[in-house]
Amino acid sequence: KMISEEDKQRYIKHPYSCMYCKMKDSIQISDRWADFDMISQKITCYACWKSWTEIYQLTDIEEEEDVL
């Protein structure tokens, strides 16, 4: 089954349930990759054993106070 745009948007708003079986708190985060301004991580649902990749992109930075 292909992930629909509607399913993607629902998951982005509520990323605590499986994209496929909708089981809450059943997802496990594994491998993470960083590439310039993007980070991705593999997610697996241990209830239905489906997996997908979350993609994060740098959108902003905040200045930190100097510690010295």
PDB file of N, CA and C in Angstrom:
ATOM      1  N   LYS A   1       0.851  -1.189   0.000  1.00  0.00           N
ATOM      2  CA  LYS A   1       0.000   0.000   0.000  1.00  0.00           C
ATOM      3  C   LYS A   1       0.886   1.238   0.000  1.00  0.00           C
ATOM      4  N   MET A   2       0.604   2.146  -0.888  1.00  0.00           N
ATOM      5  CA  MET A   2       1.319   3.420  -0.941  1.00  0.00           C
ATOM      6  C   MET A   2       0.771   4.341   0.152  1.00  0.00           C
ATOM      7  N   ILE A   3       1.639   5.147   0.702  1.00  0.00           N
ATOM      8  CA  ILE A   3       1.213   6.110   1.709  1.00  0.00           C
ATOM      9  C   ILE A   3       0.576   7.300   0.998  1.00  0.00           C
ATOM     10  N   SER A   4      -0.656   7.604   1.331  1.00  0.00           N
ATOM     11  CA  SER A   4      -1.353   8.732   0.705  1.00  0.00           C
ATOM     12  C   SER A   4      -0.877  10.043   1.311  1.00  0.00           C
ATOM     13  N   GLU A   5      -1.106  11.117   0.608  1.00  0.00           N
ATOM     14  CA  GLU A   5      -0.748  12.444   1.107  1.00  0.00           C
ATOM     15  C   GLU A   5      -1.522  12.738   2.392  1.00  0.00           C
ATOM     16  N   GLU A   6      -2.760  12.298   2.457  1.00  0.00           N
ATOM     17  CA  GLU A   6      -3.589  12.482   3.649  1.00  0.00           C
ATOM     18  C   GLU A   6      -2.985  11.735   4.848  1.00  0.00           C
ATOM     19  N   ASP A   7      -2.545  10.497   4.627  1.00  0.00           N
ATOM     20  CA  ASP A   7      -1.899   9.725   5.695  1.00  0.00           C
ATOM     21  C   ASP A   7      -0.621  10.405   6.164  1.00  0.00           C
ATOM     22  N   LYS A   8       0.158  10.921   5.228  1.00  0.00           N
ATOM     23  CA  LYS A   8       1.402  11.614   5.584  1.00  0.00           C
ATOM     24  C   LYS A   8       1.112  12.818   6.476  1.00  0.00           C
ATOM     25  N   GLN A   9       0.150  13.632   6.083  1.00  0.00           N
ATOM     26  CA  GLN A   9      -0.174  14.838   6.842  1.00  0.00           C
ATOM     27  C   GLN A   9      -0.711  14.494   8.226  1.00  0.00           C
ATOM     28  N   ARG A  10      -1.517  13.447   8.324  1.00  0.00           N
ATOM     29  CA  ARG A  10      -2.038  13.007   9.619  1.00  0.00           C
ATOM     30  C   ARG A  10      -0.885  12.564  10.521  1.00  0.00           C
ATOM     31  N   TYR A  11       0.061  11.820   9.959  1.00  0.00           N
ATOM     32  CA  TYR A  11       1.205  11.348  10.739  1.00  0.00           C
ATOM     33  C   TYR A  11       2.098  12.512  11.178  1.00  0.00           C
ATOM     34  N   ILE A  12       2.329  13.474  10.311  1.00  0.00           N
ATOM     35  CA  ILE A  12       3.164  14.636  10.651  1.00  0.00           C
ATOM     36  C   ILE A  12       2.556  15.395  11.830  1.00  0.00           C
ATOM     37  N   LYS A  13       1.238  15.489  11.887  1.00  0.00           N
ATOM     38  CA  LYS A  13       0.575  16.181  12.997  1.00  0.00           C
ATOM     39  C   LYS A  13       0.555  15.347  14.274  1.00  0.00           C
ATOM     40  N   HIS A  14       0.527  14.014  14.128  1.00  0.00           N
ATOM     41  CA  HIS A  14       0.438  13.105  15.281  1.00  0.00           C
ATOM     42  C   HIS A  14       1.392  11.933  15.073  1.00  0.00           C
ATOM     43  N   PRO A  15       2.701  12.147  15.256  1.00  0.00           N
ATOM     44  CA  PRO A  15       3.689  11.107  14.931  1.00  0.00           C
ATOM     45  C   PRO A  15       3.880  10.038  16.004  1.00  0.00           C
ATOM     46  N   TYR A  16       2.881   9.797  16.827  1.00  0.00           N
ATOM     47  CA  TYR A  16       3.032   8.835  17.917  1.00  0.00           C
ATOM     48  C   TYR A  16       2.312   7.520  17.649  1.00  0.00           C
ATOM     49  N   SER A  17       1.670   7.419  16.481  1.00  0.00           N
ATOM     50  CA  SER A  17       0.955   6.205  16.107  1.00  0.00           C
ATOM     51  C   SER A  17       1.492   5.700  14.779  1.00  0.00           C
ATOM     52  N   CYS A  18       1.345   4.412  14.555  1.00  0.00           N
ATOM     53  CA  CYS A  18       1.813   3.806  13.309  1.00  0.00           C
ATOM     54  C   CYS A  18       1.076   4.385  12.106  1.00  0.00           C
ATOM     55  N   MET A  19       1.822   4.623  11.035  1.00  0.00           N
ATOM     56  CA  MET A  19       1.243   5.112   9.776  1.00  0.00           C
ATOM     57  C   MET A  19       0.231   4.125   9.205  1.00  0.00           C
ATOM     58  N   TYR A  20       0.412   2.851   9.473  1.00  0.00           N
ATOM     59  CA  TYR A  20      -0.379   1.804   8.831  1.00  0.00           C
ATOM     60  C   TYR A  20      -1.476   1.243   9.739  1.00  0.00           C
ATOM     61  N   CYS A  21      -1.100   0.703  10.894  1.00  0.00           N
ATOM     62  CA  CYS A  21      -2.099   0.058  11.748  1.00  0.00           C
ATOM     63  C   CYS A  21      -2.689   1.009  12.789  1.00  0.00           C
ATOM     64  N   LYS A  22      -2.119   2.208  12.908  1.00  0.00           N
ATOM     65  CA  LYS A  22      -2.583   3.266  13.821  1.00  0.00           C
ATOM     66  C   LYS A  22      -2.395   2.919  15.299  1.00  0.00           C
ATOM     67  N   MET A  23      -1.645   1.858  15.601  1.00  0.00           N
ATOM     68  CA  MET A  23      -1.380   1.489  16.995  1.00  0.00           C
ATOM     69  C   MET A  23      -0.574   2.606  17.644  1.00  0.00           C
ATOM     70  N   LYS A  24      -1.023   3.071  18.792  1.00  0.00           N
ATOM     71  CA  LYS A  24      -0.367   4.180  19.483  1.00  0.00           C
ATOM     72  C   LYS A  24       0.847   3.679  20.256  1.00  0.00           C
ATOM     73  N   ASP A  25       1.911   4.462  20.238  1.00  0.00           N
ATOM     74  CA  ASP A  25       3.144   4.181  20.979  1.00  0.00           C
ATOM     75  C   ASP A  25       3.770   2.834  20.625  1.00  0.00           C
ATOM     76  N   SER A  26       3.644   2.421  19.377  1.00  0.00           N
ATOM     77  CA  SER A  26       4.196   1.135  18.950  1.00  0.00           C
ATOM     78  C   SER A  26       5.388   1.290  18.017  1.00  0.00           C
ATOM     79  N   ILE A  27       5.869   2.527  17.843  1.00  0.00           N
ATOM     80  CA  ILE A  27       6.937   2.742  16.872  1.00  0.00           C
ATOM     81  C   ILE A  27       8.306   2.797  17.536  1.00  0.00           C
ATOM     82  N   GLN A  28       9.278   2.321  16.792  1.00  0.00           N
ATOM     83  CA  GLN A  28      10.656   2.287  17.259  1.00  0.00           C
ATOM     84  C   GLN A  28      11.529   3.045  16.270  1.00  0.00           C
ATOM     85  N   ILE A  29      12.383   3.920  16.790  1.00  0.00           N
ATOM     86  CA  ILE A  29      13.293   4.701  15.960  1.00  0.00           C
ATOM     87  C   ILE A  29      14.612   3.958  15.864  1.00  0.00           C
ATOM     88  N   SER A  30      15.111   3.831  14.650  1.00  0.00           N
ATOM     89  CA  SER A  30      16.436   3.218  14.498  1.00  0.00           C
ATOM     90  C   SER A  30      17.314   4.125  13.658  1.00  0.00           C
ATOM     91  N   ASP A  31      18.097   3.593  12.777  1.00  0.00           N
ATOM     92  CA  ASP A  31      19.126   4.318  12.035  1.00  0.00           C
ATOM     93  C   ASP A  31      18.769   5.770  11.704  1.00  0.00           C
ATOM     94  N   ARG A  32      19.725   6.674  12.011  1.00  0.00           N
ATOM     95  CA  ARG A  32      19.590   8.099  11.655  1.00  0.00           C
ATOM     96  C   ARG A  32      20.708   8.472  10.704  1.00  0.00           C
ATOM     97  N   TRP A  33      20.379   9.339   9.752  1.00  0.00           N
ATOM     98  CA  TRP A  33      21.375   9.826   8.799  1.00  0.00           C
ATOM     99  C   TRP A  33      21.310  11.337   8.749  1.00  0.00           C
ATOM    100  N   ALA A  34      22.471  11.981   8.676  1.00  0.00           N
ATOM    101  CA  ALA A  34      22.540  13.440   8.538  1.00  0.00           C
ATOM    102  C   ALA A  34      23.209  13.755   7.214  1.00  0.00           C
ATOM    103  N   ASP A  35      22.629  14.723   6.496  1.00  0.00           N
ATOM    104  CA  ASP A  35      23.152  15.121   5.201  1.00  0.00           C
ATOM    105  C   ASP A  35      22.911  16.614   5.026  1.00  0.00           C
ATOM    106  N   PHE A  36      23.922  17.433   5.294  1.00  0.00           N
ATOM    107  CA  PHE A  36      23.842  18.886   5.190  1.00  0.00           C
ATOM    108  C   PHE A  36      22.686  19.439   6.009  1.00  0.00           C
ATOM    109  N   ASP A  37      21.589  19.851   5.382  1.00  0.00           N
ATOM    110  CA  ASP A  37      20.491  20.494   6.110  1.00  0.00           C
ATOM    111  C   ASP A  37      19.315  19.548   6.357  1.00  0.00           C
ATOM    112  N   MET A  38      19.542  18.232   6.299  1.00  0.00           N
ATOM    113  CA  MET A  38      18.463  17.288   6.462  1.00  0.00           C
ATOM    114  C   MET A  38      18.913  16.091   7.312  1.00  0.00           C
ATOM    115  N   ILE A  39      18.020  15.625   8.146  1.00  0.00           N
ATOM    116  CA  ILE A  39      18.247  14.404   8.925  1.00  0.00           C
ATOM    117  C   ILE A  39      17.080  13.472   8.628  1.00  0.00           C
ATOM    118  N   SER A  40      17.367  12.199   8.453  1.00  0.00           N
ATOM    119  CA  SER A  40      16.297  11.222   8.282  1.00  0.00           C
ATOM    120  C   SER A  40      16.517  10.079   9.254  1.00  0.00           C
ATOM    121  N   GLN A  41      15.428   9.413   9.615  1.00  0.00           N
ATOM    122  CA  GLN A  41      15.535   8.289  10.530  1.00  0.00           C
ATOM    123  C   GLN A  41      14.500   7.239  10.167  1.00  0.00           C
ATOM    124  N   LYS A  42      14.896   5.987  10.301  1.00  0.00           N
ATOM    125  CA  LYS A  42      14.009   4.871   9.985  1.00  0.00           C
ATOM    126  C   LYS A  42      13.122   4.585  11.187  1.00  0.00           C
ATOM    127  N   ILE A  43      11.847   4.361  10.915  1.00  0.00           N
ATOM    128  CA  ILE A  43      10.856   4.060  11.935  1.00  0.00           C
ATOM    129  C   ILE A  43      10.247   2.703  11.612  1.00  0.00           C
ATOM    130  N   THR A  44      10.068   1.876  12.636  1.00  0.00           N
ATOM    131  CA  THR A  44       9.422   0.582  12.463  1.00  0.00           C
ATOM    132  C   THR A  44       8.332   0.441  13.520  1.00  0.00           C
ATOM    133  N   CYS A  45       7.194  -0.089  13.109  1.00  0.00           N
ATOM    134  CA  CYS A  45       6.105  -0.377  14.036  1.00  0.00           C
ATOM    135  C   CYS A  45       6.274  -1.817  14.500  1.00  0.00           C
ATOM    136  N   TYR A  46       6.372  -2.033  15.807  1.00  0.00           N
ATOM    137  CA  TYR A  46       6.541  -3.399  16.285  1.00  0.00           C
ATOM    138  C   TYR A  46       5.204  -4.119  16.445  1.00  0.00           C
ATOM    139  N   ALA A  47       4.097  -3.452  16.107  1.00  0.00           N
ATOM    140  CA  ALA A  47       2.792  -4.114  16.120  1.00  0.00           C
ATOM    141  C   ALA A  47       2.507  -4.779  14.767  1.00  0.00           C
ATOM    142  N   CYS A  48       2.801  -4.060  13.647  1.00  0.00           N
ATOM    143  CA  CYS A  48       2.500  -4.619  12.318  1.00  0.00           C
ATOM    144  C   CYS A  48       3.752  -4.851  11.475  1.00  0.00           C
ATOM    145  N   TRP A  49       4.924  -4.435  11.976  1.00  0.00           N
ATOM    146  CA  TRP A  49       6.230  -4.616  11.343  1.00  0.00           C
ATOM    147  C   TRP A  49       6.389  -3.871  10.014  1.00  0.00           C
ATOM    148  N   LYS A  50       5.594  -2.825   9.795  1.00  0.00           N
ATOM    149  CA  LYS A  50       5.802  -1.936   8.641  1.00  0.00           C
ATOM    150  C   LYS A  50       6.867  -0.918   9.034  1.00  0.00           C
ATOM    151  N   SER A  51       7.542  -0.348   8.041  1.00  0.00           N
ATOM    152  CA  SER A  51       8.548   0.675   8.338  1.00  0.00           C
ATOM    153  C   SER A  51       8.463   1.800   7.325  1.00  0.00           C
ATOM    154  N   TRP A  52       9.012   2.955   7.705  1.00  0.00           N
ATOM    155  CA  TRP A  52       9.041   4.142   6.858  1.00  0.00           C
ATOM    156  C   TRP A  52      10.174   5.031   7.322  1.00  0.00           C
ATOM    157  N   THR A  53      10.434   6.098   6.609  1.00  0.00           N
ATOM    158  CA  THR A  53      11.507   7.028   6.950  1.00  0.00           C
ATOM    159  C   THR A  53      10.934   8.403   7.236  1.00  0.00           C
ATOM    160  N   GLU A  54      11.301   8.966   8.373  1.00  0.00           N
ATOM    161  CA  GLU A  54      10.948  10.346   8.694  1.00  0.00           C
ATOM    162  C   GLU A  54      12.067  11.238   8.181  1.00  0.00           C
ATOM    163  N   ILE A  55      11.700  12.395   7.654  1.00  0.00           N
ATOM    164  CA  ILE A  55      12.677  13.333   7.096  1.00  0.00           C
ATOM    165  C   ILE A  55      12.513  14.674   7.799  1.00  0.00           C
ATOM    166  N   TYR A  56      13.625  15.171   8.343  1.00  0.00           N
ATOM    167  CA  TYR A  56      13.645  16.456   9.046  1.00  0.00           C
ATOM    168  C   TYR A  56      14.544  17.412   8.280  1.00  0.00           C
ATOM    169  N   GLN A  57      14.126  18.686   8.230  1.00  0.00           N
ATOM    170  CA  GLN A  57      14.914  19.675   7.532  1.00  0.00           C
ATOM    171  C   GLN A  57      15.143  20.875   8.442  1.00  0.00           C
ATOM    172  N   LEU A  58      16.358  21.427   8.381  1.00  0.00           N
ATOM    173  CA  LEU A  58      16.700  22.603   9.171  1.00  0.00           C
ATOM    174  C   LEU A  58      15.823  23.768   8.739  1.00  0.00           C
ATOM    175  N   THR A  59      15.128  24.378   9.689  1.00  0.00           N
ATOM    176  CA  THR A  59      14.235  25.487   9.360  1.00  0.00           C
ATOM    177  C   THR A  59      14.595  26.787  10.060  1.00  0.00           C
ATOM    178  N   ASP A  60      15.415  26.707  11.118  1.00  0.00           N
ATOM    179  CA  ASP A  60      15.746  27.917  11.856  1.00  0.00           C
ATOM    180  C   ASP A  60      16.904  27.611  12.804  1.00  0.00           C
ATOM    181  N   ILE A  61      17.508  28.652  13.336  1.00  0.00           N
ATOM    182  CA  ILE A  61      18.519  28.516  14.388  1.00  0.00           C
ATOM    183  C   ILE A  61      18.243  29.560  15.452  1.00  0.00           C
ATOM    184  N   GLU A  62      18.739  29.312  16.661  1.00  0.00           N
ATOM    185  CA  GLU A  62      18.639  30.288  17.740  1.00  0.00           C
ATOM    186  C   GLU A  62      20.026  30.537  18.287  1.00  0.00           C
ATOM    187  N   GLU A  63      20.280  31.772  18.638  1.00  0.00           N
ATOM    188  CA  GLU A  63      21.572  32.132  19.218  1.00  0.00           C
ATOM    189  C   GLU A  63      21.589  31.690  20.674  1.00  0.00           C
ATOM    190  N   GLU A  64      22.709  31.145  21.098  1.00  0.00           N
ATOM    191  CA  GLU A  64      22.898  30.723  22.485  1.00  0.00           C
ATOM    192  C   GLU A  64      23.809  31.716  23.183  1.00  0.00           C
ATOM    193  N   GLU A  65      23.624  31.850  24.480  1.00  0.00           N
ATOM    194  CA  GLU A  65      24.486  32.714  25.275  1.00  0.00           C
ATOM    195  C   GLU A  65      25.852  32.052  25.409  1.00  0.00           C
ATOM    196  N   ASP A  66      26.908  32.841  25.341  1.00  0.00           N
ATOM    197  CA  ASP A  66      28.257  32.298  25.537  1.00  0.00           C
ATOM    198  C   ASP A  66      28.393  31.790  26.953  1.00  0.00           C
ATOM    199  N   VAL A  67      29.050  30.647  27.100  1.00  0.00           N
ATOM    200  CA  VAL A  67      29.201  30.069  28.433  1.00  0.00           C
ATOM    201  C   VAL A  67      30.494  30.504  29.112  1.00  0.00           C
ATOM    202  N   LEU A  68      31.398  31.116  28.395  1.00  0.00           N
ATOM    203  CA  LEU A  68      32.666  31.565  28.989  1.00  0.00           C
ATOM    204  C   LEU A  68      32.592  33.000  29.430  1.00  0.00           C
TER     205      LEU A  68
END
